[in-house]
N, C-alpha and C. Protein backbone atom coordinates (compact mmCIF):
# COMPACT_ATOMS: atom_id res chain seq x y z
N MET A 1 0.99 -1.00 0.40
CA MET A 1 -0.17 0.17 0.21
C MET A 1 0.80 1.39 -0.15
N ASN A 2 0.18 1.65 -1.47
CA ASN A 2 1.07 3.07 -0.69
C ASN A 2 0.59 4.36 -0.41
N VAL A 3 1.16 5.70 0.91
CA VAL A 3 0.67 6.43 2.07
C VAL A 3 0.71 7.68 1.47
N GLU A 4 0.05 8.59 1.10
CA GLU A 4 1.03 10.17 0.84
C GLU A 4 0.67 10.48 2.15
N VAL A 5 1.83 11.23 2.44
CA VAL A 5 1.94 11.15 4.22
C VAL A 5 1.72 13.07 4.04
N PHE A 6 0.16 13.75 4.26
CA PHE A 6 -0.22 14.72 4.12
C PHE A 6 -1.08 15.45 4.73
N GLU A 7 -0.68 15.81 6.72
CA GLU A 7 -1.57 15.38 7.22
C GLU A 7 -2.73 16.84 7.14
N VAL A 8 -4.38 16.72 7.72
CA VAL A 8 -5.04 17.40 7.48
C VAL A 8 -6.22 17.21 8.65
N ARG A 9 -5.94 18.60 9.31
CA ARG A 9 -6.31 18.37 10.95
C ARG A 9 -7.83 18.78 10.69
N ASP A 10 -8.09 19.86 9.65
CA ASP A 10 -9.27 20.65 9.85
C ASP A 10 -10.41 20.25 8.95
N PRO A 11 -11.85 19.70 9.05
CA PRO A 11 -12.48 19.07 7.89
C PRO A 11 -12.61 20.66 7.37
N PHE A 12 -12.61 21.88 7.15
CA PHE A 12 -12.78 23.14 6.12
C PHE A 12 -11.64 22.46 5.00
N LEU A 13 -9.80 22.23 5.94
CA LEU A 13 -8.82 21.89 4.92
C LEU A 13 -9.48 21.20 3.99
N LEU A 14 -10.07 19.77 4.64
CA LEU A 14 -10.44 18.37 3.53
C LEU A 14 -11.11 18.76 2.56
N ARG A 15 -12.43 19.85 2.81
CA ARG A 15 -12.96 20.46 1.94
C ARG A 15 -12.19 21.12 1.09
N HIS A 16 -10.96 22.07 1.51
CA HIS A 16 -10.59 23.03 0.82
C HIS A 16 -9.41 22.04 -0.61
N ARG A 17 -9.11 21.04 0.54
CA ARG A 17 -8.23 20.25 -0.64
C ARG A 17 -9.12 19.83 -1.84
N TYR A 18 -10.37 19.47 -1.62
CA TYR A 18 -11.06 18.69 -2.81
C TYR A 18 -11.32 19.39 -3.73
N VAL A 19 -11.96 21.19 -3.12
CA VAL A 19 -12.03 22.00 -3.93
C VAL A 19 -10.81 22.86 -5.18
N THR A 20 -10.12 22.66 -4.60
CA THR A 20 -8.43 22.64 -4.97
C THR A 20 -8.43 22.05 -5.88
N SER A 21 -8.68 20.93 -5.95
CA SER A 21 -8.32 19.94 -7.10
C SER A 21 -9.57 19.42 -8.16
N CYS A 22 -10.74 20.31 -7.48
CA CYS A 22 -11.44 20.51 -8.76
C CYS A 22 -12.36 18.95 -8.80
N LEU A 23 -12.26 18.70 -7.40
CA LEU A 23 -13.41 17.41 -6.67
C LEU A 23 -14.34 18.23 -6.26
N ILE A 24 -15.45 17.45 -6.21
CA ILE A 24 -16.81 17.89 -5.26
C ILE A 24 -17.50 16.46 -4.65
N PHE A 25 -17.79 16.94 -3.82
CA PHE A 25 -18.31 15.92 -2.59
C PHE A 25 -19.54 15.11 -3.01
N GLU A 26 -19.49 14.42 -2.72
CA GLU A 26 -20.95 13.34 -3.74
C GLU A 26 -21.39 12.98 -2.14
N LYS A 27 -22.78 13.30 -1.56
CA LYS A 27 -23.14 12.86 -0.25
C LYS A 27 -24.04 11.32 -1.05
N ILE A 28 -23.75 10.59 0.04
CA ILE A 28 -23.39 8.97 0.23
C ILE A 28 -24.71 8.73 1.09
N ASN A 29 -25.71 8.06 1.01
CA ASN A 29 -25.93 7.75 2.28
C ASN A 29 -25.55 6.78 3.23
N PRO A 30 -25.56 6.96 4.69
CA PRO A 30 -24.77 5.92 5.41
C PRO A 30 -25.04 4.73 6.21
N ASP A 31 -25.24 4.20 5.63
CA ASP A 31 -26.46 3.15 5.55
C ASP A 31 -25.47 1.88 5.55
N GLY A 32 -24.38 1.75 5.71
CA GLY A 32 -23.72 0.53 5.62
C GLY A 32 -23.14 -0.25 4.78
N HIS A 33 -23.80 0.29 3.15
CA HIS A 33 -23.46 0.28 1.90
C HIS A 33 -22.69 1.38 1.49
N CYS A 34 -22.33 2.69 2.40
CA CYS A 34 -21.88 3.51 1.97
C CYS A 34 -20.55 3.00 0.99
N LEU A 35 -19.31 2.86 1.64
CA LEU A 35 -18.01 2.64 0.96
C LEU A 35 -18.51 2.37 -0.72
N PHE A 36 -19.81 1.27 -0.78
CA PHE A 36 -19.73 0.21 -2.03
C PHE A 36 -20.42 0.91 -3.12
N SER A 37 -21.45 2.13 -2.43
CA SER A 37 -21.80 2.99 -3.34
C SER A 37 -21.46 3.98 -3.07
N ALA A 38 -19.53 4.48 -3.00
CA ALA A 38 -19.32 5.59 -3.41
C ALA A 38 -18.32 5.27 -4.18
N VAL A 39 -18.04 3.59 -4.35
CA VAL A 39 -17.25 3.54 -5.74
C VAL A 39 -18.00 3.03 -6.39
N ALA A 40 -19.33 3.00 -6.26
CA ALA A 40 -20.19 2.88 -7.68
C ALA A 40 -20.31 3.58 -8.77
N ASP A 41 -20.57 4.62 -7.61
CA ASP A 41 -20.70 5.85 -8.33
C ASP A 41 -19.54 6.43 -8.93
N GLN A 42 -18.36 6.11 -8.19
CA GLN A 42 -17.39 6.95 -8.83
C GLN A 42 -16.84 6.10 -10.26
N LEU A 43 -17.22 4.83 -10.68
CA LEU A 43 -17.41 3.97 -10.94
C LEU A 43 -17.74 4.41 -12.37
N ALA A 44 -19.14 4.76 -12.14
CA ALA A 44 -19.83 4.97 -13.22
C ALA A 44 -19.69 6.81 -13.43
N CYS A 45 -18.90 7.16 -12.70
CA CYS A 45 -18.08 8.64 -13.31
C CYS A 45 -17.09 8.40 -14.45
N LEU A 46 -16.47 7.75 -14.33
CA LEU A 46 -14.92 7.01 -15.49
C LEU A 46 -15.81 6.36 -16.32
N GLY A 47 -16.97 5.60 -16.35
CA GLY A 47 -17.35 4.90 -16.92
C GLY A 47 -16.92 4.04 -17.31
N VAL A 48 -16.57 3.47 -16.14
CA VAL A 48 -16.30 1.79 -15.89
C VAL A 48 -17.85 0.74 -15.85
N LEU A 49 -18.60 1.51 -14.72
CA LEU A 49 -20.17 0.79 -14.73
C LEU A 49 -20.71 1.84 -15.44
N GLN A 50 -21.85 0.96 -16.65
CA GLN A 50 -23.08 1.29 -16.40
C GLN A 50 -24.03 1.94 -15.93
N ALA A 51 -25.49 3.12 -15.84
CA ALA A 51 -25.68 3.23 -14.97
C ALA A 51 -26.53 2.07 -14.36
N PRO A 52 -27.42 1.08 -15.16
CA PRO A 52 -27.76 0.44 -14.58
C PRO A 52 -27.30 -0.63 -13.15
N TYR A 53 -26.09 -0.71 -13.48
CA TYR A 53 -25.07 -1.52 -12.42
C TYR A 53 -24.37 -0.56 -11.45
N ALA A 54 -24.22 0.51 -11.54
CA ALA A 54 -24.03 1.59 -10.34
C ALA A 54 -24.53 1.22 -9.46
N ASN A 55 -24.00 0.27 -8.99
CA ASN A 55 -24.92 0.47 -7.60
C ASN A 55 -23.78 -0.23 -5.99
N PHE A 56 -23.99 -0.44 -4.73
CA PHE A 56 -23.81 -1.09 -3.95
C PHE A 56 -23.93 -2.63 -4.30
N LYS A 57 -25.16 -3.07 -4.88
CA LYS A 57 -24.62 -4.65 -4.75
C LYS A 57 -23.93 -4.81 -5.87
N THR A 58 -23.61 -4.68 -6.79
CA THR A 58 -22.39 -4.86 -8.09
C THR A 58 -21.13 -5.18 -7.29
N THR A 59 -20.70 -3.65 -6.71
CA THR A 59 -19.43 -3.41 -5.57
C THR A 59 -19.35 -4.26 -4.73
N ARG A 60 -20.47 -4.83 -4.11
CA ARG A 60 -20.02 -6.04 -2.70
C ARG A 60 -19.83 -6.92 -3.86
N LEU A 61 -21.04 -7.62 -4.46
CA LEU A 61 -20.49 -8.64 -5.23
C LEU A 61 -19.10 -8.82 -5.60
N ALA A 62 -18.60 -7.91 -6.57
CA ALA A 62 -16.81 -7.66 -6.77
C ALA A 62 -15.91 -7.73 -5.82
N ALA A 63 -16.39 -7.10 -4.62
CA ALA A 63 -15.72 -6.77 -3.24
C ALA A 63 -15.20 -8.34 -2.96
N SER A 64 -16.38 -8.95 -2.28
CA SER A 64 -16.45 -10.43 -1.69
C SER A 64 -16.24 -11.29 -2.72
N THR A 65 -16.44 -11.64 -4.66
CA THR A 65 -15.80 -12.20 -5.03
C THR A 65 -14.17 -12.45 -5.05
N TYR A 66 -13.96 -11.35 -5.45
CA TYR A 66 -12.52 -11.17 -5.28
C TYR A 66 -12.12 -11.77 -4.01
N ILE A 67 -12.22 -11.53 -3.06
CA ILE A 67 -11.72 -11.99 -1.77
C ILE A 67 -11.65 -13.07 -1.61
N TYR A 68 -13.01 -13.82 -1.65
CA TYR A 68 -13.34 -15.39 -1.91
C TYR A 68 -12.59 -15.91 -2.77
N GLN A 69 -12.18 -15.46 -3.65
CA GLN A 69 -11.21 -16.06 -5.09
C GLN A 69 -9.67 -16.13 -4.79
N HIS A 70 -9.09 -15.27 -3.35
CA HIS A 70 -8.37 -14.79 -3.37
C HIS A 70 -7.91 -15.10 -1.69
N PRO A 71 -8.10 -16.10 -1.04
CA PRO A 71 -7.91 -16.69 0.43
C PRO A 71 -6.19 -15.82 0.86
N SER A 72 -5.38 -16.41 0.13
CA SER A 72 -3.93 -16.17 0.53
C SER A 72 -3.64 -14.37 0.64
N ASP A 73 -4.56 -14.00 -0.30
CA ASP A 73 -4.52 -12.65 0.72
C ASP A 73 -4.67 -11.59 1.48
N PHE A 74 -5.92 -12.29 1.93
CA PHE A 74 -6.88 -11.45 3.01
C PHE A 74 -6.90 -12.29 3.82
N LEU A 75 -6.48 -13.54 4.11
CA LEU A 75 -7.31 -14.12 5.49
C LEU A 75 -5.99 -14.18 6.32
N PRO A 76 -4.96 -13.63 6.00
CA PRO A 76 -3.82 -13.35 7.53
C PRO A 76 -4.09 -12.22 8.17
N PHE A 77 -5.27 -11.00 7.18
CA PHE A 77 -5.03 -9.67 7.74
C PHE A 77 -7.07 -9.81 8.40
N LEU A 78 -7.82 -11.46 8.36
CA LEU A 78 -9.00 -11.27 9.11
C LEU A 78 -8.83 -11.71 10.44
N PRO A 79 -8.96 -11.29 11.01
CA PRO A 79 -9.10 -11.78 12.64
C PRO A 79 -10.55 -13.06 12.49
N SER A 80 -10.10 -13.64 13.41
CA SER A 80 -11.74 -14.22 13.56
C SER A 80 -12.38 -13.22 14.34
N ILE A 81 -13.90 -13.99 14.18
CA ILE A 81 -14.38 -12.90 14.38
C ILE A 81 -15.05 -13.10 15.69
N ASP A 82 -14.85 -14.18 16.52
CA ASP A 82 -15.03 -13.91 17.81
C ASP A 82 -14.02 -13.80 18.39
N GLY A 83 -12.19 -13.35 18.07
CA GLY A 83 -11.60 -13.19 18.65
C GLY A 83 -10.27 -14.50 18.28
N GLU A 84 -9.18 -13.42 18.86
CA GLU A 84 -8.45 -14.69 18.37
C GLU A 84 -7.79 -16.04 19.33
N ASP A 85 -8.66 -16.00 20.12
CA ASP A 85 -9.10 -17.01 21.17
C ASP A 85 -10.34 -18.13 21.27
N GLY A 86 -11.24 -17.12 20.20
CA GLY A 86 -12.63 -17.52 20.34
C GLY A 86 -13.39 -19.11 20.03
N ALA A 87 -14.24 -19.63 19.96
CA ALA A 87 -14.34 -20.23 19.23
C ALA A 87 -14.29 -20.59 17.65
N GLY A 88 -13.24 -21.32 17.26
CA GLY A 88 -13.64 -21.16 15.54
C GLY A 88 -12.11 -20.72 14.62
N ALA A 89 -11.36 -19.92 15.90
CA ALA A 89 -9.81 -19.47 15.48
C ALA A 89 -8.69 -20.20 15.34
N THR A 90 -8.16 -19.46 14.44
CA THR A 90 -7.33 -21.01 14.32
C THR A 90 -5.76 -20.80 15.47
N ASP A 91 -5.13 -21.17 15.14
CA ASP A 91 -4.12 -21.59 16.32
C ASP A 91 -3.39 -19.85 16.11
N ALA A 92 -3.25 -19.08 15.12
CA ALA A 92 -2.50 -17.88 14.42
C ALA A 92 -3.44 -16.75 14.88
N GLY A 93 -4.95 -17.32 15.51
CA GLY A 93 -5.94 -16.28 15.96
C GLY A 93 -6.46 -16.13 14.42
N LEU A 94 -6.44 -16.47 13.34
CA LEU A 94 -7.57 -15.96 12.75
C LEU A 94 -8.45 -16.88 11.85
N MET A 95 -9.45 -16.63 11.18
CA MET A 95 -10.43 -16.98 10.36
C MET A 95 -10.30 -18.66 9.73
N THR A 96 -11.04 -19.64 10.09
CA THR A 96 -10.93 -20.23 9.30
C THR A 96 -11.43 -20.68 7.79
N MET A 97 -11.30 -21.23 7.47
CA MET A 97 -11.80 -21.62 5.80
C MET A 97 -13.38 -21.15 6.10
N PRO A 98 -13.92 -22.31 6.96
CA PRO A 98 -15.87 -21.85 6.81
C PRO A 98 -16.26 -20.58 7.44
N ALA A 99 -15.37 -20.30 8.57
CA ALA A 99 -15.20 -18.24 8.74
C ALA A 99 -15.60 -17.39 7.74
N PHE A 100 -14.44 -18.01 6.79
CA PHE A 100 -13.47 -17.05 5.55
C PHE A 100 -15.09 -16.60 4.68
N GLU A 101 -15.24 -18.18 4.58
CA GLU A 101 -17.02 -18.55 3.41
C GLU A 101 -18.10 -17.33 4.05
N ARG A 102 -18.28 -18.01 5.46
CA ARG A 102 -18.87 -16.78 5.69
C ARG A 102 -18.96 -15.59 5.70
N TYR A 103 -17.61 -15.08 5.64
CA TYR A 103 -17.31 -13.85 6.47
C TYR A 103 -17.70 -12.81 4.53
N CYS A 104 -17.26 -13.68 3.44
CA CYS A 104 -17.45 -12.84 2.49
C CYS A 104 -18.87 -13.13 2.00
N ALA A 105 -19.57 -14.15 2.38
CA ALA A 105 -21.11 -14.20 2.16
C ALA A 105 -21.57 -12.95 2.90
N GLN A 106 -21.52 -12.90 3.90
CA GLN A 106 -21.92 -11.72 4.61
C GLN A 106 -21.81 -10.21 3.92
N MET A 107 -20.40 -10.56 3.31
CA MET A 107 -19.88 -8.88 2.68
C MET A 107 -20.71 -8.67 1.44
N ARG A 108 -20.94 -9.74 1.07
CA ARG A 108 -22.06 -9.91 -0.23
C ARG A 108 -23.35 -9.71 -0.35
N ASP A 109 -23.60 -10.16 0.65
CA ASP A 109 -25.50 -10.43 0.77
C ASP A 109 -25.81 -9.23 1.85
N THR A 110 -25.44 -8.68 2.82
CA THR A 110 -26.05 -7.63 4.48
C THR A 110 -25.73 -6.27 4.07
N ALA A 111 -25.55 -5.53 5.21
CA ALA A 111 -24.83 -4.06 5.10
C ALA A 111 -23.94 -4.21 5.61
N ILE A 112 -23.12 -5.15 6.23
CA ILE A 112 -22.36 -5.23 7.12
C ILE A 112 -21.03 -4.27 6.13
N TRP A 113 -20.28 -3.23 6.89
CA TRP A 113 -19.67 -2.19 6.56
C TRP A 113 -18.21 -2.84 5.98
N GLY A 114 -17.91 -2.52 4.82
CA GLY A 114 -16.92 -2.71 4.01
C GLY A 114 -15.87 -1.89 4.85
N GLY A 115 -13.85 -2.06 4.78
CA GLY A 115 -13.13 -1.47 4.87
C GLY A 115 -11.94 -1.68 4.58
N GLU A 116 -10.41 -1.68 4.88
CA GLU A 116 -9.48 -2.14 3.90
C GLU A 116 -9.09 -2.85 3.15
N PRO A 117 -9.53 -4.47 3.47
CA PRO A 117 -9.71 -5.54 2.20
C PRO A 117 -10.33 -5.47 1.80
N GLU A 118 -11.66 -4.63 1.48
CA GLU A 118 -13.30 -4.25 0.19
C GLU A 118 -12.18 -3.31 -0.39
N ILE A 119 -11.96 -2.00 0.04
CA ILE A 119 -11.17 -1.37 -0.46
C ILE A 119 -9.84 -1.84 -1.88
N LEU A 120 -9.60 -2.89 -0.73
CA LEU A 120 -8.12 -2.98 -1.90
C LEU A 120 -8.84 -4.43 -2.68
N ALA A 121 -9.53 -5.08 -2.09
CA ALA A 121 -10.31 -6.00 -3.54
C ALA A 121 -11.39 -5.31 -4.20
N LEU A 122 -11.51 -4.04 -4.73
CA LEU A 122 -12.19 -3.04 -5.06
C LEU A 122 -11.28 -2.84 -6.04
N SER A 123 -10.14 -2.10 -5.32
CA SER A 123 -9.04 -1.72 -6.48
C SER A 123 -8.62 -3.15 -7.45
N LYS A 124 -8.64 -3.80 -7.06
CA LYS A 124 -7.38 -5.04 -7.92
C LYS A 124 -8.62 -5.50 -8.61
N ALA A 125 -10.03 -5.42 -8.15
CA ALA A 125 -11.21 -6.53 -9.19
C ALA A 125 -10.65 -5.22 -10.21
N TYR A 126 -11.32 -3.93 -9.91
CA TYR A 126 -11.92 -3.09 -11.49
C TYR A 126 -10.28 -2.64 -12.04
N GLY A 127 -9.09 -2.91 -11.40
CA GLY A 127 -7.85 -2.29 -11.75
C GLY A 127 -7.54 -1.33 -11.85
N ILE A 128 -8.40 0.04 -10.86
CA ILE A 128 -8.11 1.20 -10.35
C ILE A 128 -7.54 1.15 -9.57
N PRO A 129 -6.62 2.36 -8.87
CA PRO A 129 -5.95 2.53 -7.83
C PRO A 129 -7.13 3.69 -7.27
N ILE A 130 -7.71 2.95 -5.48
CA ILE A 130 -8.43 3.47 -4.60
C ILE A 130 -7.75 4.96 -3.77
N HIS A 131 -8.05 6.13 -3.91
CA HIS A 131 -7.28 7.09 -3.39
C HIS A 131 -8.50 7.18 -2.28
N VAL A 132 -8.64 7.02 -0.89
CA VAL A 132 -9.24 7.75 0.13
C VAL A 132 -8.87 9.08 1.10
N VAL A 133 -9.66 9.77 1.18
CA VAL A 133 -9.40 11.03 1.64
C VAL A 133 -9.67 11.13 2.81
N GLN A 134 -8.69 11.57 3.47
CA GLN A 134 -9.23 11.31 5.30
C GLN A 134 -8.72 12.53 5.91
N HIS A 135 -9.76 12.41 7.18
CA HIS A 135 -9.23 13.78 8.12
C HIS A 135 -8.35 13.40 8.99
N GLY A 136 -7.33 13.77 9.26
CA GLY A 136 -6.19 13.67 10.02
C GLY A 136 -4.65 12.96 9.18
N SER A 137 -3.97 12.33 10.17
CA SER A 137 -3.05 12.08 9.75
C SER A 137 -2.96 10.40 8.72
N PRO A 138 -2.40 9.51 7.83
CA PRO A 138 -2.23 10.37 6.78
C PRO A 138 -3.79 10.97 5.81
N SER A 139 -3.65 12.18 5.67
CA SER A 139 -5.02 12.47 4.79
C SER A 139 -5.75 12.09 3.59
N ILE A 140 -4.16 10.77 2.99
CA ILE A 140 -4.45 9.72 2.05
C ILE A 140 -4.11 8.67 2.10
N VAL A 141 -4.80 7.77 1.43
CA VAL A 141 -4.54 6.44 1.46
C VAL A 141 -4.53 5.52 0.53
N LYS A 142 -3.51 5.66 -0.52
CA LYS A 142 -4.05 4.78 -1.93
C LYS A 142 -3.86 3.65 -1.49
N HIS A 143 -4.55 3.00 -2.64
CA HIS A 143 -5.28 1.69 -2.81
C HIS A 143 -4.41 1.33 -4.00
N GLU A 144 -3.45 0.97 -4.24
CA GLU A 144 -3.09 0.62 -5.80
C GLU A 144 -3.04 -1.19 -6.34
N PRO A 145 -3.88 -1.11 -7.46
CA PRO A 145 -4.07 -2.58 -7.34
C PRO A 145 -2.95 -3.64 -8.06
N GLY A 146 -1.77 -2.86 -8.54
CA GLY A 146 -0.50 -4.00 -9.25
C GLY A 146 -0.83 -3.37 -10.73
N THR A 147 -1.53 -4.30 -10.89
CA THR A 147 -1.93 -4.26 -12.72
C THR A 147 -2.76 -2.99 -12.94
N THR A 148 -2.57 -1.58 -13.06
CA THR A 148 -3.36 -0.78 -13.69
C THR A 148 -4.44 -1.26 -15.38
N LEU A 149 -6.04 -1.35 -15.32
CA LEU A 149 -6.50 -2.14 -16.27
C LEU A 149 -6.58 -0.60 -17.03
N ASN A 150 -7.71 0.17 -16.34
CA ASN A 150 -7.76 1.43 -16.39
C ASN A 150 -6.69 2.45 -16.31
N THR A 151 -6.28 2.60 -17.44
CA THR A 151 -4.75 4.05 -17.21
C THR A 151 -5.10 4.89 -17.26
N ASN A 152 -4.65 5.87 -16.26
CA ASN A 152 -5.20 7.23 -15.70
C ASN A 152 -6.07 7.41 -15.29
N GLN A 153 -6.57 6.69 -14.72
CA GLN A 153 -8.29 7.09 -13.90
C GLN A 153 -8.06 6.59 -12.82
N VAL A 154 -8.33 7.13 -11.87
CA VAL A 154 -8.23 7.15 -9.59
C VAL A 154 -9.80 7.30 -9.59
N ILE A 155 -10.19 6.52 -8.55
CA ILE A 155 -10.91 6.97 -7.67
C ILE A 155 -10.96 7.20 -6.22
N ARG A 156 -11.52 8.28 -6.18
CA ARG A 156 -11.41 9.07 -4.96
C ARG A 156 -12.71 8.92 -3.65
N ILE A 157 -12.57 8.58 -2.98
CA ILE A 157 -13.68 9.09 -1.71
C ILE A 157 -13.02 9.27 -0.71
N SER A 158 -13.80 10.11 -0.22
CA SER A 158 -13.47 10.36 1.38
C SER A 158 -13.85 10.00 2.16
N TYR A 159 -13.30 9.91 3.76
CA TYR A 159 -13.30 8.71 4.48
C TYR A 159 -13.76 9.99 5.86
N HIS A 160 -15.40 9.99 6.55
CA HIS A 160 -15.38 10.91 7.53
C HIS A 160 -15.85 9.58 8.67
N ARG A 161 -15.19 10.08 9.19
CA ARG A 161 -15.34 8.53 10.66
C ARG A 161 -16.47 9.09 11.72
N ARG A 162 -16.54 10.48 11.78
CA ARG A 162 -17.76 11.37 13.33
C ARG A 162 -18.60 11.85 12.33
N MET A 163 -18.64 12.11 10.80
CA MET A 163 -20.02 12.79 10.61
C MET A 163 -21.14 12.50 10.75
N TYR A 164 -21.52 11.36 10.68
CA TYR A 164 -22.80 10.88 11.33
C TYR A 164 -23.21 10.32 12.28
N GLY A 165 -21.85 9.94 13.40
CA GLY A 165 -22.80 9.40 14.48
C GLY A 165 -22.80 7.69 14.79
N LEU A 166 -22.27 7.79 13.77
CA LEU A 166 -22.39 6.15 13.58
C LEU A 166 -22.55 4.80 14.95
N GLY A 167 -22.90 5.52 16.10
CA GLY A 167 -22.53 4.73 17.26
C GLY A 167 -20.97 4.36 17.65
N GLU A 168 -20.13 5.23 16.77
CA GLU A 168 -18.78 5.35 17.81
C GLU A 168 -18.95 6.86 18.96
N VAL A 169 -17.89 6.31 19.91
CA VAL A 169 -17.96 7.59 21.15
C VAL A 169 -17.56 8.78 20.55
N ILE A 170 -17.81 10.21 20.37
CA ILE A 170 -17.29 10.63 19.92
C ILE A 170 -16.77 11.66 20.87
């Protein structure tokens, strides 16, 4: 993962960085599908997905399928759902294959939040770098697909950790 270190502590400066880069904020519903909806929106803007397919269902399916087909790339970074000492954990505290299969199915079929593994999977599945702009340091986290299928295209999404107070202690 390539990380550009540029700290933005002030939300106004985060918005300013978007404006000076000729980007706009597109409000996405914070419903658990937000990561997938944001990526689908950007894929449509880039012409990678056609309008009828530019939705969270398409990108959830792409991420979960990619993760499922590449378990060795993701299992080392997915702790057991019940904790490293919980039932069903391997000796290393990671998910077992049955738990991994359930994880992929939940990611595909429910509104469970996506995170770093899903962003990386989407970048690789679509062959497009995904840059996540966020408040704090680092202010931009770049997910590179390795092989870029769509040259000169970048998906830019922003992460607003406490914008909606979604169960996090503020």
